[in-house]
C-alpha atoms as a PDB file:
ATOM      1  CA  MET A   1     -42.724 -45.772 122.977  1.00  0.00           C
ATOM      2  CA  GLY A   2     -40.307 -43.646 124.915  1.00  0.00           C
ATOM      3  CA  ALA A   3     -37.641 -45.349 126.998  1.00  0.00           C
ATOM      4  CA  ARG A   4     -39.210 -48.772 127.317  1.00  0.00           C
ATOM      5  CA  TRP A   5     -39.720 -51.767 125.102  1.00  0.00           C
ATOM      6  CA  PRO A   6     -43.137 -52.305 123.515  1.00  0.00           C
ATOM      7  CA  GLU A   7     -44.719 -55.582 124.432  1.00  0.00           C
ATOM      8  CA  PRO A   8     -46.243 -57.393 121.485  1.00  0.00           C
ATOM      9  CA  ALA A   9     -47.798 -59.929 123.875  1.00  0.00           C
ATOM     10  CA  ARG A  10     -49.993 -57.073 125.156  1.00  0.00           C
ATOM     11  CA  GLY A  11     -51.016 -56.036 121.656  1.00  0.00           C
ATOM     12  CA  GLU A  12     -48.411 -53.253 121.365  1.00  0.00           C
ATOM     13  CA  PRO A  13     -46.672 -52.812 117.978  1.00  0.00           C
ATOM     14  CA  GLY A  14     -43.751 -55.197 117.476  1.00  0.00           C
ATOM     15  CA  ARG A  15     -42.082 -53.283 114.634  1.00  0.00           C
ATOM     16  CA  ILE A  16     -39.568 -50.926 116.229  1.00  0.00           C
ATOM     17  CA  VAL A  17     -37.112 -48.248 115.315  1.00  0.00           C
ATOM     18  CA  LEU A  18     -34.335 -47.452 117.814  1.00  0.00           C
ATOM     19  CA  VAL A  19     -33.526 -43.739 117.949  1.00  0.00           C
ATOM     20  CA  GLY A  20     -30.476 -42.214 119.500  1.00  0.00           C
ATOM     21  CA  ARG A  21     -28.269 -39.139 119.357  1.00  0.00           C
ATOM     22  CA  THR A  22     -24.788 -39.331 117.886  1.00  0.00           C
ATOM     23  CA  SER A  23     -23.212 -38.399 121.198  1.00  0.00           C
ATOM     24  CA  ALA A  24     -21.117 -40.970 123.050  1.00  0.00           C
ATOM     25  CA  ARG A  25     -24.021 -41.460 125.540  1.00  0.00           C
ATOM     26  CA  GLY A  26     -26.625 -41.847 122.765  1.00  0.00           C
ATOM     27  CA  LEU A  27     -24.542 -44.369 120.835  1.00  0.00           C
ATOM     28  CA  ARG A  28     -23.878 -46.380 124.001  1.00  0.00           C
ATOM     29  CA  ALA A  29     -27.642 -46.503 124.685  1.00  0.00           C
ATOM     30  CA  VAL A  30     -28.314 -47.707 121.163  1.00  0.00           C
ATOM     31  CA  SER A  31     -25.612 -50.375 121.509  1.00  0.00           C
ATOM     32  CA  GLN A  32     -27.100 -51.549 124.757  1.00  0.00           C
ATOM     33  CA  ALA A  33     -30.557 -51.798 123.254  1.00  0.00           C
ATOM     34  CA  LEU A  34     -29.159 -53.795 120.297  1.00  0.00           C
ATOM     35  CA  GLY A  35     -27.452 -56.086 122.806  1.00  0.00           C
ATOM     36  CA  ALA A  36     -30.772 -56.661 124.561  1.00  0.00           C
ATOM     37  CA  LEU A  37     -32.430 -57.574 121.285  1.00  0.00           C
ATOM     38  CA  ARG A  38     -29.591 -59.962 120.473  1.00  0.00           C
ATOM     39  CA  ASP A  39     -29.356 -61.680 123.848  1.00  0.00           C
ATOM     40  CA  GLY A  40     -33.110 -62.087 124.369  1.00  0.00           C
ATOM     41  CA  SER A  41     -33.520 -59.735 127.317  1.00  0.00           C
ATOM     42  CA  ALA A  42     -35.881 -57.573 125.261  1.00  0.00           C
ATOM     43  CA  PRO A  43     -39.539 -58.741 124.865  1.00  0.00           C
ATOM     44  CA  GLN A  44     -40.050 -61.529 122.324  1.00  0.00           C
ATOM     45  CA  GLY A  45     -41.678 -60.707 119.009  1.00  0.00           C
ATOM     46  CA  LEU A  46     -39.899 -57.423 118.285  1.00  0.00           C
ATOM     47  CA  ASP A  47     -38.879 -56.686 114.734  1.00  0.00           C
ATOM     48  CA  LEU A  48     -36.154 -54.034 114.448  1.00  0.00           C
ATOM     49  CA  LEU A  49     -36.687 -52.025 111.279  1.00  0.00           C
ATOM     50  CA  ALA A  50     -33.688 -49.739 111.711  1.00  0.00           C
ATOM     51  CA  VAL A  51     -31.598 -47.576 113.992  1.00  0.00           C
ATOM     52  CA  VAL A  52     -32.022 -43.819 113.521  1.00  0.00           C
ATOM     53  CA  LEU A  53     -29.134 -41.696 114.648  1.00  0.00           C
ATOM     54  CA  VAL A  54     -29.886 -37.955 115.059  1.00  0.00           C
ATOM     55  CA  ALA A  55     -27.006 -35.542 114.940  1.00  0.00           C
ATOM     56  CA  ASP A  56     -26.274 -34.118 118.404  1.00  0.00           C
ATOM     57  CA  ALA A  57     -24.379 -31.069 117.049  1.00  0.00           C
ATOM     58  CA  PRO A  58     -23.542 -29.422 113.749  1.00  0.00           C
ATOM     59  CA  GLY A  59     -20.441 -30.428 111.886  1.00  0.00           C
ATOM     60  CA  ARG A  60     -18.446 -33.596 111.504  1.00  0.00           C
ATOM     61  CA  LEU A  61     -18.379 -36.338 114.131  1.00  0.00           C
ATOM     62  CA  PRO A  62     -15.149 -37.179 115.891  1.00  0.00           C
ATOM     63  CA  LEU A  63     -13.467 -40.389 114.649  1.00  0.00           C
ATOM     64  CA  SER A  64     -14.243 -42.230 117.907  1.00  0.00           C
ATOM     65  CA  LEU A  65     -17.981 -41.715 117.374  1.00  0.00           C
ATOM     66  CA  LEU A  66     -17.774 -42.685 113.711  1.00  0.00           C
ATOM     67  CA  ARG A  67     -16.112 -45.907 114.762  1.00  0.00           C
ATOM     68  CA  ARG A  68     -19.015 -46.611 117.134  1.00  0.00           C
ATOM     69  CA  ILE A  69     -21.472 -45.989 114.326  1.00  0.00           C
ATOM     70  CA  ARG A  70     -19.632 -48.525 112.151  1.00  0.00           C
ATOM     71  CA  VAL A  71     -20.027 -51.126 114.850  1.00  0.00           C
ATOM     72  CA  ILE A  72     -23.761 -50.348 115.122  1.00  0.00           C
ATOM     73  CA  ARG A  73     -24.027 -50.603 111.306  1.00  0.00           C
ATOM     74  CA  SER A  74     -22.573 -54.073 111.519  1.00  0.00           C
ATOM     75  CA  ALA A  75     -25.545 -55.115 113.648  1.00  0.00           C
ATOM     76  CA  ALA A  76     -28.440 -53.121 112.171  1.00  0.00           C
ATOM     77  CA  HIS A  77     -29.542 -50.942 109.283  1.00  0.00           C
ATOM     78  CA  VAL A  78     -28.711 -47.337 110.268  1.00  0.00           C
ATOM     79  CA  HIS A  79     -30.282 -44.071 109.083  1.00  0.00           C
ATOM     80  CA  ARG A  80     -28.607 -40.821 109.979  1.00  0.00           C
ATOM     81  CA  VAL A  81     -30.470 -37.577 110.384  1.00  0.00           C
ATOM     82  CA  PRO A  82     -28.376 -34.388 110.102  1.00  0.00           C
ATOM     83  CA  TRP A  83     -28.264 -31.490 112.539  1.00  0.00           C
ATOM     84  CA  ILE A  84     -31.401 -29.368 112.052  1.00  0.00           C
ATOM     85  CA  PRO A  85     -31.040 -26.011 113.843  1.00  0.00           C
ATOM     86  CA  ALA A  86     -34.773 -25.336 113.832  1.00  0.00           C
ATOM     87  CA  TRP A  87     -35.445 -28.445 115.914  1.00  0.00           C
ATOM     88  CA  ARG A  88     -33.337 -27.061 118.737  1.00  0.00           C
ATOM     89  CA  THR A  89     -35.899 -24.322 119.370  1.00  0.00           C
ATOM     90  CA  GLY A  90     -39.008 -26.395 118.510  1.00  0.00           C
ATOM     91  CA  GLY A  91     -39.330 -24.987 114.996  1.00  0.00           C
ATOM     92  CA  ARG A  92     -39.578 -26.658 111.619  1.00  0.00           C
ATOM     93  CA  PRO A  93     -36.950 -26.596 108.918  1.00  0.00           C
ATOM     94  CA  ARG A  94     -37.835 -24.684 105.719  1.00  0.00           C
ATOM     95  CA  THR A  95     -36.977 -27.754 103.707  1.00  0.00           C
ATOM     96  CA  PRO A  96     -37.039 -31.110 105.512  1.00  0.00           C
ATOM     97  CA  PRO A  97     -33.920 -33.204 104.876  1.00  0.00           C
ATOM     98  CA  ARG A  98     -34.420 -36.087 102.436  1.00  0.00           C
ATOM     99  CA  GLN A  99     -33.609 -38.553 105.197  1.00  0.00           C
ATOM    100  CA  LEU A 100     -36.998 -37.805 106.823  1.00  0.00           C
ATOM    101  CA  GLY A 101     -38.843 -38.938 103.665  1.00  0.00           C
ATOM    102  CA  THR A 102     -36.823 -42.150 103.688  1.00  0.00           C
ATOM    103  CA  LEU A 103     -37.762 -42.763 107.315  1.00  0.00           C
ATOM    104  CA  ALA A 104     -41.410 -42.047 106.635  1.00  0.00           C
ATOM    105  CA  GLN A 105     -41.389 -44.726 103.981  1.00  0.00           C
ATOM    106  CA  LEU A 106     -39.634 -47.166 106.285  1.00  0.00           C
ATOM    107  CA  VAL A 107     -42.340 -46.938 108.896  1.00  0.00           C
ATOM    108  CA  GLY A 108     -45.188 -46.738 106.400  1.00  0.00           C
ATOM    109  CA  ALA A 109     -46.197 -43.179 107.219  1.00  0.00           C
ATOM    110  CA  ASP A 110     -48.135 -41.212 104.670  1.00  0.00           C
ATOM    111  CA  ILE A 111     -46.145 -38.018 104.996  1.00  0.00           C
ATOM    112  CA  HIS A 112     -45.953 -35.234 102.440  1.00  0.00           C
ATOM    113  CA  PRO A 113     -43.172 -32.893 103.685  1.00  0.00           C
ATOM    114  CA  GLU A 114     -44.362 -29.984 101.545  1.00  0.00           C
ATOM    115  CA  GLU A 115     -47.854 -30.110 103.026  1.00  0.00           C
ATOM    116  CA  SER A 116     -46.627 -30.485 106.633  1.00  0.00           C
ATOM    117  CA  LEU A 117     -44.740 -27.176 106.472  1.00  0.00           C
ATOM    118  CA  SER A 118     -47.649 -24.997 105.366  1.00  0.00           C
END
């Protein structure tokens, strides 16, 4: 849906996945969105399936960011997607990470990674 909440009252899907980068800014945005869901300032009728955190850079995260992720995990189910160099240039990875299959199942997508790469 982009950077706005869907509105189930208008017939838009109510099942949502919050997606953010693992940068300080991305984790802050996810935390703010979770706060809006908790305090009722998001539209009514939303069902949070999970938070998806996409690596913002290769390598390990600094401890301060890992701590923020732990806090987010205390409020929602979190899926992490690793750094995928091909995505940076708009390409496709040779072998999709297993996390993408897990996410496809979560949202009910009928995705066959082997077929999507041909």
